[in-house]
Protein backbone atom coordinates (compact mmCIF):
# COMPACT_ATOMS: atom_id res chain seq x y z
CA LEU A 1 0.00 0.00 0.00
CA HIS A 2 1.40 3.39 -0.97
CA GLY A 3 0.17 6.87 -0.22
CA ALA A 4 1.65 10.33 -0.74
CA TRP A 5 1.21 13.79 0.74
CA GLY A 6 2.73 17.14 -0.21
CA SER A 7 3.41 18.90 -3.48
CA ALA A 8 0.62 17.73 -5.78
CA GLY A 9 2.87 17.33 -8.82
CA GLU A 10 5.57 15.39 -7.01
CA ALA A 11 3.18 13.26 -4.93
CA SER A 12 1.22 12.42 -8.08
CA GLY A 13 4.46 11.53 -9.86
CA TYR A 14 5.32 9.11 -7.06
CA LEU A 15 1.88 7.50 -7.19
CA ARG A 16 2.11 7.22 -11.00
CA TRP A 17 5.44 5.45 -10.55
CA VAL A 18 3.73 3.00 -8.15
CA ARG A 19 0.72 2.52 -10.46
CA ASP A 20 3.03 1.86 -13.42
CA GLY A 21 4.81 -1.01 -11.68
CA MET A 22 7.63 0.83 -9.87
CA SER A 23 10.02 0.47 -12.79
CA GLY A 24 12.73 3.01 -13.43
CA GLU A 25 14.04 5.52 -10.94
CA ARG A 26 11.82 6.18 -7.93
CA PRO A 27 10.76 9.86 -7.65
CA ARG A 28 12.71 11.40 -4.78
CA PRO A 29 11.36 13.97 -2.30
CA GLN A 30 13.35 17.19 -2.19
CA VAL A 31 14.24 19.31 0.85
CA VAL A 32 11.93 22.32 1.31
CA ASP A 33 13.19 23.54 4.68
CA LEU A 34 16.31 21.95 6.09
CA ASP A 35 15.95 23.49 9.56
CA ALA A 36 12.30 22.40 9.91
CA GLY A 37 12.96 19.00 8.31
CA LYS A 38 10.35 19.52 5.59
CA SER A 39 10.19 17.62 2.28
CA THR A 40 8.33 18.40 -0.95
CA PHE A 41 6.33 15.21 -0.40
CA LEU A 42 6.12 12.21 1.88
CA ALA A 43 5.51 8.67 0.73
CA LEU A 44 3.71 6.31 3.07
CA ILE A 45 4.57 2.67 2.42
CA VAL A 46 2.78 -0.19 4.17
CA ALA A 47 4.33 -3.60 3.57
CA PRO A 48 2.15 -6.73 3.24
CA ASP A 49 3.04 -7.67 6.86
CA GLY A 50 1.81 -4.26 8.10
CA GLU A 51 5.21 -2.64 8.65
CA VAL A 52 4.97 1.09 8.00
CA THR A 53 7.71 3.25 6.49
CA VAL A 54 7.54 6.95 5.62
CA TRP A 55 9.99 8.12 2.96
CA THR A 56 11.11 11.77 3.09
CA ALA A 57 13.91 13.84 1.61
CA PHE A 58 15.86 12.93 4.75
CA GLY A 59 15.51 9.16 4.35
CA MET A 60 13.28 6.33 5.47
CA GLU A 61 11.49 6.51 8.84
CA ASP A 62 10.40 3.13 10.23
CA TYR A 63 7.20 3.13 12.31
CA GLY A 64 7.00 -0.59 12.94
CA HIS A 65 3.49 -2.12 12.99
CA PRO A 66 1.17 0.61 14.32
CA PRO A 67 -2.60 -0.03 14.46
CA TYR A 68 -3.03 3.04 12.21
CA ILE A 69 -1.03 6.01 10.95
CA ALA A 70 -1.85 9.40 9.45
CA ILE A 71 0.48 11.82 7.66
CA GLY A 72 0.06 15.28 6.21
CA ALA A 73 -2.32 18.15 6.86
CA GLY A 74 -4.83 17.22 9.51
CA SER A 75 -2.94 14.10 10.57
CA GLU A 76 -3.76 14.74 14.23
CA ILE A 77 -7.48 14.95 13.41
CA ALA A 78 -7.26 11.79 11.30
CA ALA A 79 -5.41 9.90 14.05
CA GLY A 80 -8.15 10.85 16.51
CA ALA A 81 -10.87 9.71 14.12
CA LEU A 82 -9.06 6.41 13.51
CA ALA A 83 -8.63 5.89 17.26
CA ALA A 84 -12.39 6.43 17.64
CA GLY A 85 -13.11 3.69 15.09
CA ALA A 86 -13.47 5.60 11.80
CA SER A 87 -12.39 3.97 8.55
CA ALA A 88 -9.56 5.60 6.58
CA GLN A 89 -12.04 7.15 4.17
CA GLN A 90 -14.21 8.47 7.03
CA ALA A 91 -11.12 9.89 8.75
CA ILE A 92 -10.16 11.82 5.61
CA GLU A 93 -13.70 13.18 5.28
CA ILE A 94 -13.55 14.31 8.93
CA VAL A 95 -10.21 16.03 8.27
CA ALA A 96 -11.58 17.79 5.17
CA ALA A 97 -14.51 19.09 7.21
CA ASN A 98 -12.28 20.34 10.07
CA SER A 99 -8.95 21.49 8.62
CA ASP A 100 -8.08 24.60 6.64
CA TYR A 101 -5.31 22.67 4.86
CA ALA A 102 -7.16 19.63 3.50
CA ARG A 103 -10.13 19.31 1.19
CA LEU A 104 -12.04 16.83 -0.87
CA PRO A 105 -11.91 15.14 -3.28
CA VAL A 106 -9.34 12.51 -2.41
CA ASN A 107 -7.96 10.30 -5.16
CA TRP A 108 -7.89 6.65 -4.09
CA LEU A 109 -5.75 3.98 -5.71
CA THR A 110 -6.49 0.39 -4.83
CA ASN A 111 -4.51 -2.77 -5.33
CA ARG A 112 -6.52 -5.33 -7.29
């Protein structure tokens, strides 16, 4: 499972790379603000065994096997919704209704 947050063009490029079979060079996040540790986009990668990794311009961050994870604008709101039993889609809708930095629609890619 892959997700992306950040610069629309770069995040979309990463997701296109995933959709197209992950061949060729993987799109790389760039540094936006070195002091604040900000990247142009983040890639959320969930392995088949549930291990979660977030890829940034500063490298891979391993989160182990959390029951849920949220990244990006409104991630605190989403984490609260998930903790209260919301589905991922419901959590995103709650974020869009309660954050100035997130809005619908959300583009979903599924693995078939």
